[in-house]
Amino acid sequence: MGIGELFVLAVGLSMDAFAVAICKGLAIGRTTLKSSMIVGLWFGFFQALMPLAGYFVGLQLSDLIGAFDHWVAFCLLGAIGVSMIIESRSRKEEEESPLLSWRAMLPLAIATSIDALASGIALAAVDGNIYWAVSFIGVITFILSSFGVKLGSIAGSKYKSKAELAGGLILIAIGLKILIQHCVEGI
């Protein structure tokens, strides 16, 4: 796999994380470099970890993983989206935002990187350096996610509760997209 193909793969895999990072920036409001880096690290790490895990799982389990990955992503993103919508309706001023805690970030990082697991299985069939590929995917996702948080923050600082509502709806839409895309490919 050449550098161009790897770049396209990395950007494609990072798009869900980028969209969710924008939503995270909307929810956080005023972001700092630290908050952008935290989100970028979570998403970048899991986008690198999942293809590596998929690579080692190999093609033996591809049918099993393909049978439910879309449901896991849909359920996680849907639940997080509904939670954001509920929070947008009962928003209180918080001293310390729980939006970057491991409990908030872990499900998002897993949900946005489920498709990367399948790409790791595909990478197992292609000769190449898996460590180079997952590093590249992780770095691209880190950069785009960090930028997405800042972008969401800029867009949402004036309209925090409405932005959080929109972010929740976007997460649900991403989950539905994953589910519908899988169903259409299955036809």
N, C-alpha and C. Protein backbone atom coordinates (compact mmCIF):
# COMPACT_ATOMS: atom_id res chain seq x y z
N MET A 1 0.86 -1.17 0.00
CA MET A 1 0.00 0.00 0.00
C MET A 1 0.90 1.23 0.00
N GLY A 2 0.68 2.12 -0.97
CA GLY A 2 1.48 3.32 -1.10
C GLY A 2 1.06 4.40 -0.11
N ILE A 3 1.88 5.44 -0.03
CA ILE A 3 1.62 6.55 0.90
C ILE A 3 0.31 7.26 0.55
N GLY A 4 0.01 7.42 -0.73
CA GLY A 4 -1.24 8.07 -1.14
C GLY A 4 -2.46 7.28 -0.72
N GLU A 5 -2.40 5.97 -0.95
CA GLU A 5 -3.52 5.11 -0.56
C GLU A 5 -3.67 5.08 0.96
N LEU A 6 -2.55 5.06 1.65
CA LEU A 6 -2.59 5.06 3.11
C LEU A 6 -3.17 6.37 3.64
N PHE A 7 -2.83 7.49 3.01
CA PHE A 7 -3.37 8.78 3.41
C PHE A 7 -4.88 8.82 3.23
N VAL A 8 -5.36 8.33 2.10
CA VAL A 8 -6.81 8.30 1.83
C VAL A 8 -7.50 7.40 2.86
N LEU A 9 -6.91 6.26 3.15
CA LEU A 9 -7.48 5.36 4.16
C LEU A 9 -7.53 6.05 5.52
N ALA A 10 -6.44 6.70 5.90
CA ALA A 10 -6.37 7.37 7.21
C ALA A 10 -7.40 8.49 7.31
N VAL A 11 -7.51 9.29 6.29
CA VAL A 11 -8.49 10.39 6.31
C VAL A 11 -9.90 9.82 6.35
N GLY A 12 -10.17 8.80 5.55
CA GLY A 12 -11.50 8.18 5.55
C GLY A 12 -11.87 7.61 6.90
N LEU A 13 -10.92 6.91 7.53
CA LEU A 13 -11.19 6.33 8.85
C LEU A 13 -11.37 7.40 9.91
N SER A 14 -10.73 8.54 9.74
CA SER A 14 -10.79 9.58 10.77
C SER A 14 -12.01 10.49 10.65
N MET A 15 -12.80 10.35 9.60
CA MET A 15 -13.93 11.27 9.41
C MET A 15 -14.98 11.17 10.50
N ASP A 16 -15.30 9.97 10.97
CA ASP A 16 -16.25 9.84 12.07
C ASP A 16 -15.69 10.50 13.33
N ALA A 17 -14.41 10.26 13.60
CA ALA A 17 -13.78 10.87 14.78
C ALA A 17 -13.76 12.39 14.65
N PHE A 18 -13.50 12.89 13.45
CA PHE A 18 -13.50 14.33 13.20
C PHE A 18 -14.88 14.92 13.48
N ALA A 19 -15.93 14.27 12.98
CA ALA A 19 -17.30 14.76 13.20
C ALA A 19 -17.66 14.73 14.68
N VAL A 20 -17.27 13.67 15.37
CA VAL A 20 -17.56 13.57 16.80
C VAL A 20 -16.73 14.59 17.57
N ALA A 21 -15.51 14.86 17.14
CA ALA A 21 -14.67 15.88 17.78
C ALA A 21 -15.30 17.26 17.65
N ILE A 22 -15.89 17.54 16.50
CA ILE A 22 -16.60 18.81 16.33
C ILE A 22 -17.74 18.88 17.34
N CYS A 23 -18.48 17.79 17.47
CA CYS A 23 -19.58 17.75 18.45
C CYS A 23 -19.04 17.94 19.87
N LYS A 24 -17.91 17.35 20.16
CA LYS A 24 -17.29 17.50 21.48
C LYS A 24 -16.92 18.96 21.72
N GLY A 25 -16.38 19.62 20.70
CA GLY A 25 -16.07 21.04 20.81
C GLY A 25 -17.31 21.88 21.02
N LEU A 26 -18.40 21.50 20.36
CA LEU A 26 -19.67 22.20 20.57
C LEU A 26 -20.12 22.06 22.02
N ALA A 27 -19.99 20.85 22.56
CA ALA A 27 -20.45 20.58 23.92
C ALA A 27 -19.56 21.26 24.96
N ILE A 28 -18.26 21.26 24.71
CA ILE A 28 -17.32 21.84 25.68
C ILE A 28 -17.47 23.35 25.73
N GLY A 29 -17.65 23.94 24.57
CA GLY A 29 -17.74 25.40 24.53
C GLY A 29 -16.37 26.01 24.34
N ARG A 30 -15.86 26.60 25.37
CA ARG A 30 -14.54 27.24 25.29
C ARG A 30 -13.46 26.18 25.51
N THR A 31 -12.73 25.87 24.46
CA THR A 31 -11.71 24.83 24.55
C THR A 31 -10.33 25.43 24.78
N THR A 32 -9.47 24.58 25.26
CA THR A 32 -8.07 24.92 25.43
C THR A 32 -7.26 23.98 24.55
N LEU A 33 -5.99 24.26 24.42
CA LEU A 33 -5.11 23.36 23.68
C LEU A 33 -5.12 21.99 24.35
N LYS A 34 -5.16 21.98 25.67
CA LYS A 34 -5.17 20.71 26.42
C LYS A 34 -6.41 19.89 26.08
N SER A 35 -7.59 20.50 26.05
CA SER A 35 -8.81 19.74 25.75
C SER A 35 -8.79 19.22 24.31
N SER A 36 -8.27 20.01 23.39
CA SER A 36 -8.16 19.55 22.00
C SER A 36 -7.20 18.37 21.90
N MET A 37 -6.10 18.45 22.64
CA MET A 37 -5.11 17.38 22.62
C MET A 37 -5.67 16.10 23.26
N ILE A 38 -6.44 16.25 24.33
CA ILE A 38 -7.03 15.08 24.99
C ILE A 38 -7.95 14.33 24.03
N VAL A 39 -8.83 15.06 23.36
CA VAL A 39 -9.74 14.43 22.41
C VAL A 39 -8.95 13.80 21.26
N GLY A 40 -7.97 14.55 20.74
CA GLY A 40 -7.14 14.02 19.66
C GLY A 40 -6.39 12.76 20.06
N LEU A 41 -5.88 12.73 21.28
CA LEU A 41 -5.17 11.53 21.75
C LEU A 41 -6.09 10.34 21.89
N TRP A 42 -7.27 10.55 22.47
CA TRP A 42 -8.23 9.44 22.59
C TRP A 42 -8.57 8.86 21.22
N PHE A 43 -8.98 9.73 20.31
CA PHE A 43 -9.41 9.25 19.00
C PHE A 43 -8.23 8.70 18.20
N GLY A 44 -7.10 9.38 18.22
CA GLY A 44 -5.92 8.92 17.49
C GLY A 44 -5.43 7.57 17.99
N PHE A 45 -5.40 7.40 19.32
CA PHE A 45 -4.95 6.14 19.89
C PHE A 45 -5.85 4.99 19.48
N PHE A 46 -7.17 5.17 19.60
CA PHE A 46 -8.06 4.08 19.26
C PHE A 46 -8.14 3.82 17.76
N GLN A 47 -7.98 4.88 16.95
CA GLN A 47 -7.96 4.66 15.49
C GLN A 47 -6.70 3.90 15.09
N ALA A 48 -5.64 4.00 15.86
CA ALA A 48 -4.43 3.22 15.59
C ALA A 48 -4.53 1.82 16.19
N LEU A 49 -5.11 1.73 17.38
CA LEU A 49 -5.21 0.44 18.07
C LEU A 49 -6.13 -0.54 17.35
N MET A 50 -7.25 -0.08 16.87
CA MET A 50 -8.23 -0.98 16.27
C MET A 50 -7.71 -1.68 15.00
N PRO A 51 -7.06 -0.96 14.05
CA PRO A 51 -6.53 -1.69 12.90
C PRO A 51 -5.44 -2.69 13.30
N LEU A 52 -4.66 -2.33 14.31
CA LEU A 52 -3.63 -3.24 14.78
C LEU A 52 -4.27 -4.51 15.35
N ALA A 53 -5.32 -4.33 16.15
CA ALA A 53 -6.04 -5.49 16.69
C ALA A 53 -6.68 -6.30 15.56
N GLY A 54 -7.28 -5.61 14.61
CA GLY A 54 -7.89 -6.28 13.47
C GLY A 54 -6.87 -7.06 12.65
N TYR A 55 -5.70 -6.49 12.51
CA TYR A 55 -4.63 -7.15 11.77
C TYR A 55 -4.27 -8.48 12.41
N PHE A 56 -4.14 -8.46 13.73
CA PHE A 56 -3.75 -9.68 14.43
C PHE A 56 -4.90 -10.68 14.56
N VAL A 57 -6.11 -10.19 14.59
CA VAL A 57 -7.25 -11.10 14.59
C VAL A 57 -7.30 -11.84 13.26
N GLY A 58 -7.01 -11.07 12.20
CA GLY A 58 -6.89 -11.69 10.89
C GLY A 58 -8.21 -11.98 10.22
N LEU A 59 -8.09 -12.63 9.12
CA LEU A 59 -9.26 -12.91 8.28
C LEU A 59 -10.16 -14.01 8.82
N GLN A 60 -9.68 -14.81 9.77
CA GLN A 60 -10.50 -15.90 10.30
C GLN A 60 -11.81 -15.42 10.91
N LEU A 61 -11.78 -14.26 11.53
CA LEU A 61 -12.98 -13.78 12.22
C LEU A 61 -13.71 -12.66 11.48
N SER A 62 -13.35 -12.41 10.24
CA SER A 62 -13.94 -11.27 9.52
C SER A 62 -15.46 -11.38 9.40
N ASP A 63 -15.98 -12.58 9.18
CA ASP A 63 -17.44 -12.74 9.07
C ASP A 63 -18.12 -12.44 10.40
N LEU A 64 -17.52 -12.89 11.49
CA LEU A 64 -18.10 -12.66 12.82
C LEU A 64 -18.10 -11.17 13.18
N ILE A 65 -16.98 -10.51 12.95
CA ILE A 65 -16.87 -9.09 13.28
C ILE A 65 -17.80 -8.26 12.39
N GLY A 66 -17.82 -8.59 11.11
CA GLY A 66 -18.68 -7.87 10.18
C GLY A 66 -20.16 -8.02 10.49
N ALA A 67 -20.51 -9.06 11.21
CA ALA A 67 -21.92 -9.32 11.52
C ALA A 67 -22.47 -8.38 12.58
N PHE A 68 -21.63 -7.79 13.42
CA PHE A 68 -22.18 -6.96 14.49
C PHE A 68 -21.50 -5.62 14.70
N ASP A 69 -20.43 -5.31 13.97
CA ASP A 69 -19.72 -4.06 14.23
C ASP A 69 -20.60 -2.82 14.04
N HIS A 70 -21.46 -2.86 13.05
CA HIS A 70 -22.36 -1.74 12.78
C HIS A 70 -23.36 -1.53 13.92
N TRP A 71 -23.79 -2.61 14.56
CA TRP A 71 -24.74 -2.50 15.67
C TRP A 71 -24.07 -1.90 16.90
N VAL A 72 -22.83 -2.30 17.15
CA VAL A 72 -22.09 -1.74 18.29
C VAL A 72 -21.90 -0.24 18.09
N ALA A 73 -21.44 0.16 16.91
CA ALA A 73 -21.23 1.58 16.64
C ALA A 73 -22.54 2.35 16.73
N PHE A 74 -23.61 1.81 16.16
CA PHE A 74 -24.92 2.46 16.19
C PHE A 74 -25.41 2.65 17.62
N CYS A 75 -25.32 1.60 18.43
CA CYS A 75 -25.81 1.68 19.81
C CYS A 75 -25.00 2.66 20.65
N LEU A 76 -23.68 2.60 20.52
CA LEU A 76 -22.84 3.52 21.30
C LEU A 76 -23.08 4.97 20.90
N LEU A 77 -23.04 5.24 19.59
CA LEU A 77 -23.25 6.63 19.14
C LEU A 77 -24.66 7.11 19.44
N GLY A 78 -25.64 6.23 19.27
CA GLY A 78 -27.02 6.61 19.58
C GLY A 78 -27.21 6.93 21.05
N ALA A 79 -26.66 6.10 21.92
CA ALA A 79 -26.79 6.35 23.36
C ALA A 79 -26.09 7.63 23.77
N ILE A 80 -24.92 7.87 23.24
CA ILE A 80 -24.20 9.09 23.55
C ILE A 80 -24.94 10.30 23.01
N GLY A 81 -25.49 10.17 21.79
CA GLY A 81 -26.26 11.27 21.20
C GLY A 81 -27.49 11.61 22.01
N VAL A 82 -28.23 10.59 22.44
CA VAL A 82 -29.41 10.82 23.28
C VAL A 82 -29.01 11.47 24.59
N SER A 83 -27.90 11.02 25.17
CA SER A 83 -27.41 11.62 26.41
C SER A 83 -27.08 13.11 26.22
N MET A 84 -26.45 13.44 25.09
CA MET A 84 -26.13 14.84 24.82
C MET A 84 -27.39 15.67 24.65
N ILE A 85 -28.40 15.12 24.01
CA ILE A 85 -29.66 15.84 23.82
C ILE A 85 -30.32 16.09 25.18
N ILE A 86 -30.33 15.09 26.04
CA ILE A 86 -30.90 15.26 27.38
C ILE A 86 -30.12 16.31 28.16
N GLU A 87 -28.79 16.26 28.09
CA GLU A 87 -27.96 17.26 28.79
C GLU A 87 -28.20 18.66 28.25
N SER A 88 -28.47 18.78 26.95
CA SER A 88 -28.68 20.11 26.38
C SER A 88 -29.96 20.75 26.93
N ARG A 89 -30.90 19.94 27.37
CA ARG A 89 -32.16 20.44 27.92
C ARG A 89 -32.07 20.77 29.40
N SER A 90 -31.09 20.20 30.09
CA SER A 90 -30.96 20.44 31.52
C SER A 90 -29.54 20.87 31.87
N ARG A 91 -29.00 21.75 31.07
CA ARG A 91 -27.61 22.18 31.21
C ARG A 91 -27.45 23.05 32.44
N LYS A 92 -26.51 22.67 33.30
CA LYS A 92 -26.14 23.46 34.46
C LYS A 92 -24.70 23.90 34.30
N GLU A 93 -24.37 25.03 34.89
CA GLU A 93 -22.98 25.46 34.87
C GLU A 93 -22.18 24.50 35.72
N GLU A 94 -21.11 23.99 35.16
CA GLU A 94 -20.28 23.04 35.87
C GLU A 94 -18.92 23.65 36.13
N GLU A 95 -18.39 23.35 37.30
CA GLU A 95 -17.06 23.85 37.63
C GLU A 95 -16.01 23.12 36.81
N GLU A 96 -16.09 21.80 36.76
CA GLU A 96 -15.16 21.00 35.99
C GLU A 96 -15.95 20.13 35.04
N SER A 97 -15.66 20.22 33.77
CA SER A 97 -16.43 19.52 32.76
C SER A 97 -16.12 18.02 32.77
N PRO A 98 -17.16 17.19 32.90
CA PRO A 98 -16.95 15.75 32.80
C PRO A 98 -16.88 15.29 31.35
N LEU A 99 -16.96 16.22 30.41
CA LEU A 99 -17.02 15.87 29.00
C LEU A 99 -15.74 15.23 28.48
N LEU A 100 -14.63 15.39 29.21
CA LEU A 100 -13.37 14.80 28.78
C LEU A 100 -12.91 13.66 29.68
N SER A 101 -13.78 13.22 30.58
CA SER A 101 -13.43 12.11 31.46
C SER A 101 -13.32 10.83 30.64
N TRP A 102 -12.69 9.83 31.22
CA TRP A 102 -12.55 8.56 30.50
C TRP A 102 -13.92 7.93 30.26
N ARG A 103 -14.88 8.17 31.14
CA ARG A 103 -16.22 7.62 30.95
C ARG A 103 -16.93 8.24 29.75
N ALA A 104 -16.63 9.49 29.47
CA ALA A 104 -17.22 10.15 28.31
C ALA A 104 -16.45 9.83 27.04
N MET A 105 -15.13 9.74 27.13
CA MET A 105 -14.31 9.59 25.94
C MET A 105 -14.17 8.15 25.46
N LEU A 106 -14.10 7.19 26.37
CA LEU A 106 -13.88 5.80 25.97
C LEU A 106 -14.96 5.28 25.01
N PRO A 107 -16.25 5.45 25.33
CA PRO A 107 -17.26 4.94 24.38
C PRO A 107 -17.20 5.65 23.02
N LEU A 108 -16.90 6.95 23.03
CA LEU A 108 -16.78 7.68 21.76
C LEU A 108 -15.60 7.17 20.95
N ALA A 109 -14.48 6.97 21.62
CA ALA A 109 -13.28 6.50 20.93
C ALA A 109 -13.49 5.11 20.34
N ILE A 110 -14.15 4.25 21.08
CA ILE A 110 -14.43 2.90 20.58
C ILE A 110 -15.42 2.95 19.42
N ALA A 111 -16.49 3.70 19.61
CA ALA A 111 -17.54 3.76 18.58
C ALA A 111 -17.02 4.31 17.27
N THR A 112 -16.16 5.32 17.33
CA THR A 112 -15.66 5.91 16.09
C THR A 112 -14.55 5.10 15.45
N SER A 113 -14.03 4.11 16.15
CA SER A 113 -12.93 3.32 15.59
C SER A 113 -13.31 1.89 15.26
N ILE A 114 -14.57 1.54 15.40
CA ILE A 114 -15.00 0.17 15.08
C ILE A 114 -14.71 -0.16 13.61
N ASP A 115 -14.97 0.79 12.72
CA ASP A 115 -14.71 0.52 11.30
C ASP A 115 -13.22 0.32 11.03
N ALA A 116 -12.36 0.91 11.85
CA ALA A 116 -10.93 0.73 11.69
C ALA A 116 -10.51 -0.70 12.02
N LEU A 117 -11.27 -1.37 12.87
CA LEU A 117 -11.00 -2.78 13.17
C LEU A 117 -11.11 -3.61 11.90
N ALA A 118 -12.15 -3.37 11.15
CA ALA A 118 -12.34 -4.09 9.89
C ALA A 118 -11.25 -3.75 8.89
N SER A 119 -10.80 -2.50 8.90
CA SER A 119 -9.72 -2.13 7.98
C SER A 119 -8.43 -2.85 8.34
N GLY A 120 -8.23 -3.11 9.63
CA GLY A 120 -7.05 -3.88 10.05
C GLY A 120 -7.08 -5.29 9.51
N ILE A 121 -8.27 -5.87 9.47
CA ILE A 121 -8.42 -7.21 8.90
C ILE A 121 -8.07 -7.17 7.41
N ALA A 122 -8.53 -6.12 6.74
CA ALA A 122 -8.20 -5.97 5.31
C ALA A 122 -6.70 -5.73 5.12
N LEU A 123 -6.08 -4.97 6.02
CA LEU A 123 -4.64 -4.73 5.93
C LEU A 123 -3.83 -6.02 6.11
N ALA A 124 -4.40 -6.99 6.80
CA ALA A 124 -3.70 -8.27 6.99
C ALA A 124 -3.52 -8.99 5.66
N ALA A 125 -4.42 -8.74 4.72
CA ALA A 125 -4.34 -9.39 3.42
C ALA A 125 -3.37 -8.68 2.47
N VAL A 126 -2.96 -7.48 2.82
CA VAL A 126 -2.07 -6.68 1.97
C VAL A 126 -0.67 -6.72 2.57
N ASP A 127 0.29 -6.99 1.75
CA ASP A 127 1.67 -6.95 2.24
C ASP A 127 2.04 -5.52 2.57
N GLY A 128 2.67 -5.33 3.70
CA GLY A 128 3.08 -3.99 4.09
C GLY A 128 3.40 -3.95 5.56
N ASN A 129 3.87 -2.84 5.99
CA ASN A 129 4.25 -2.65 7.38
C ASN A 129 3.05 -2.14 8.16
N ILE A 130 2.43 -3.01 8.96
CA ILE A 130 1.24 -2.65 9.72
C ILE A 130 1.53 -1.55 10.73
N TYR A 131 2.73 -1.54 11.28
CA TYR A 131 3.07 -0.54 12.29
C TYR A 131 3.15 0.86 11.67
N TRP A 132 3.67 0.94 10.47
CA TRP A 132 3.70 2.22 9.75
C TRP A 132 2.26 2.67 9.46
N ALA A 133 1.42 1.74 9.01
CA ALA A 133 0.05 2.06 8.65
C ALA A 133 -0.74 2.57 9.86
N VAL A 134 -0.65 1.86 11.00
CA VAL A 134 -1.43 2.28 12.16
C VAL A 134 -0.89 3.58 12.76
N SER A 135 0.41 3.79 12.67
CA SER A 135 0.98 5.07 13.14
C SER A 135 0.44 6.22 12.31
N PHE A 136 0.43 6.02 11.00
CA PHE A 136 -0.07 7.05 10.09
C PHE A 136 -1.54 7.34 10.35
N ILE A 137 -2.34 6.30 10.50
CA ILE A 137 -3.77 6.45 10.79
C ILE A 137 -3.97 7.19 12.11
N GLY A 138 -3.22 6.82 13.14
CA GLY A 138 -3.34 7.47 14.44
C GLY A 138 -2.97 8.94 14.41
N VAL A 139 -1.89 9.28 13.70
CA VAL A 139 -1.45 10.68 13.64
C VAL A 139 -2.45 11.53 12.87
N ILE A 140 -2.92 11.04 11.73
CA ILE A 140 -3.91 11.79 10.94
C ILE A 140 -5.18 12.01 11.76
N THR A 141 -5.63 10.98 12.45
CA THR A 141 -6.84 11.10 13.28
C THR A 141 -6.61 12.08 14.42
N PHE A 142 -5.45 12.02 15.05
CA PHE A 142 -5.12 12.97 16.13
C PHE A 142 -5.21 14.41 15.63
N ILE A 143 -4.59 14.68 14.50
CA ILE A 143 -4.57 16.05 13.96
C ILE A 143 -5.98 16.52 13.62
N LEU A 144 -6.72 15.70 12.89
CA LEU A 144 -8.07 16.11 12.48
C LEU A 144 -9.02 16.24 13.68
N SER A 145 -8.90 15.35 14.64
CA SER A 145 -9.77 15.41 15.82
C SER A 145 -9.46 16.63 16.68
N SER A 146 -8.18 16.92 16.87
CA SER A 146 -7.80 18.10 17.65
C SER A 146 -8.33 19.37 16.98
N PHE A 147 -8.20 19.43 15.67
CA PHE A 147 -8.73 20.57 14.92
C PHE A 147 -10.25 20.62 15.01
N GLY A 148 -10.90 19.46 14.95
CA GLY A 148 -12.36 19.40 15.03
C GLY A 148 -12.91 19.95 16.33
N VAL A 149 -12.22 19.67 17.45
CA VAL A 149 -12.65 20.19 18.75
C VAL A 149 -12.63 21.72 18.72
N LYS A 150 -11.57 22.28 18.21
CA LYS A 150 -11.45 23.74 18.16
C LYS A 150 -12.51 24.33 17.23
N LEU A 151 -12.71 23.68 16.10
CA LEU A 151 -13.71 24.14 15.14
C LEU A 151 -15.10 24.12 15.76
N GLY A 152 -15.44 23.04 16.46
CA GLY A 152 -16.74 22.95 17.14
C GLY A 152 -16.88 23.98 18.23
N SER A 153 -15.80 24.26 18.94
CA SER A 153 -15.82 25.25 20.00
C SER A 153 -16.11 26.65 19.45
N ILE A 154 -15.46 26.98 18.37
CA ILE A 154 -15.67 28.30 17.75
C ILE A 154 -17.11 28.44 17.29
N ALA A 155 -17.64 27.40 16.66
CA ALA A 155 -19.01 27.44 16.14
C ALA A 155 -20.05 27.45 17.25
N GLY A 156 -19.73 26.82 18.38
CA GLY A 156 -20.76 26.63 19.40
C GLY A 156 -20.67 27.50 20.63
N SER A 157 -19.68 28.37 20.73
CA SER A 157 -19.51 29.13 21.97
C SER A 157 -20.69 30.04 22.28
N LYS A 158 -21.39 30.52 21.27
CA LYS A 158 -22.53 31.40 21.51
C LYS A 158 -23.83 30.63 21.75
N TYR A 159 -23.89 29.43 21.26
CA TYR A 159 -25.14 28.68 21.28
C TYR A 159 -24.92 27.31 21.91
N LYS A 160 -24.41 27.28 23.13
CA LYS A 160 -23.96 26.05 23.75
C LYS A 160 -25.04 24.97 23.83
N SER A 161 -26.21 25.27 24.38
CA SER A 161 -27.22 24.21 24.54
C SER A 161 -27.77 23.78 23.19
N LYS A 162 -27.96 24.72 22.27
CA LYS A 162 -28.42 24.35 20.93
C LYS A 162 -27.34 23.56 20.20
N ALA A 163 -26.09 23.93 20.43
CA ALA A 163 -24.99 23.22 19.80
C ALA A 163 -24.89 21.80 20.35
N GLU A 164 -25.11 21.64 21.63
CA GLU A 164 -25.06 20.30 22.21
C GLU A 164 -26.21 19.45 21.69
N LEU A 165 -27.37 20.05 21.52
CA LEU A 165 -28.50 19.35 20.91
C LEU A 165 -28.14 18.91 19.49
N ALA A 166 -27.56 19.83 18.72
CA ALA A 166 -27.15 19.50 17.35
C ALA A 166 -26.08 18.42 17.35
N GLY A 167 -25.15 18.50 18.29
CA GLY A 167 -24.11 17.48 18.39
C GLY A 167 -24.69 16.11 18.67
N GLY A 168 -25.67 16.04 19.57
CA GLY A 168 -26.34 14.77 19.85
C GLY A 168 -27.04 14.22 18.63
N LEU A 169 -27.72 15.09 17.90
CA LEU A 169 -28.40 14.66 16.68
C LEU A 169 -27.40 14.17 15.64
N ILE A 170 -26.25 14.84 15.55
CA ILE A 170 -25.22 14.43 14.60
C ILE A 170 -24.68 13.05 14.97
N LEU A 171 -24.45 12.80 16.25
CA LEU A 171 -23.96 11.49 16.67
C LEU A 171 -24.96 10.39 16.33
N ILE A 172 -26.22 10.67 16.56
CA ILE A 172 -27.26 9.69 16.20
C ILE A 172 -27.26 9.47 14.69
N ALA A 173 -27.11 10.55 13.92
CA ALA A 173 -27.08 10.44 12.46
C ALA A 173 -25.89 9.62 11.99
N ILE A 174 -24.73 9.80 12.62
CA ILE A 174 -23.56 9.00 12.25
C ILE A 174 -23.82 7.52 12.54
N GLY A 175 -24.41 7.25 13.70
CA GLY A 175 -24.75 5.87 14.04
C GLY A 175 -25.72 5.27 13.03
N LEU A 176 -26.73 6.04 12.64
CA LEU A 176 -27.69 5.57 11.62
C LEU A 176 -27.01 5.35 10.28
N LYS A 177 -26.09 6.25 9.93
CA LYS A 177 -25.35 6.12 8.67
C LYS A 177 -24.58 4.80 8.63
N ILE A 178 -23.92 4.48 9.73
CA ILE A 178 -23.16 3.23 9.81
C ILE A 178 -24.10 2.03 9.65
N LEU A 179 -25.23 2.08 10.34
CA LEU A 179 -26.20 0.98 10.29
C LEU A 179 -26.80 0.84 8.88
N ILE A 180 -27.22 1.94 8.29
CA ILE A 180 -27.83 1.91 6.95
C ILE A 180 -26.81 1.47 5.90
N GLN A 181 -25.58 2.00 6.02
CA GLN A 181 -24.54 1.63 5.06
C GLN A 181 -24.29 0.12 5.11
N HIS A 182 -24.27 -0.44 6.30
CA HIS A 182 -24.06 -1.89 6.42
C HIS A 182 -25.24 -2.66 5.82
N CYS A 183 -26.44 -2.19 6.08
CA CYS A 183 -27.63 -2.87 5.54
C CYS A 183 -27.66 -2.80 4.02
N VAL A 184 -27.30 -1.67 3.45
CA VAL A 184 -27.29 -1.51 1.99
C VAL A 184 -26.22 -2.40 1.38
N GLU A 185 -25.04 -2.48 2.01
CA GLU A 185 -23.97 -3.33 1.49
C GLU A 185 -24.36 -4.80 1.58
N GLY A 186 -25.24 -5.14 2.53
CA GLY A 186 -25.66 -6.52 2.69
C GLY A 186 -26.67 -6.98 1.65
N ILE A 187 -27.23 -6.03 0.92
CA ILE A 187 -28.26 -6.37 -0.10
C ILE A 187 -27.61 -6.90 -1.35
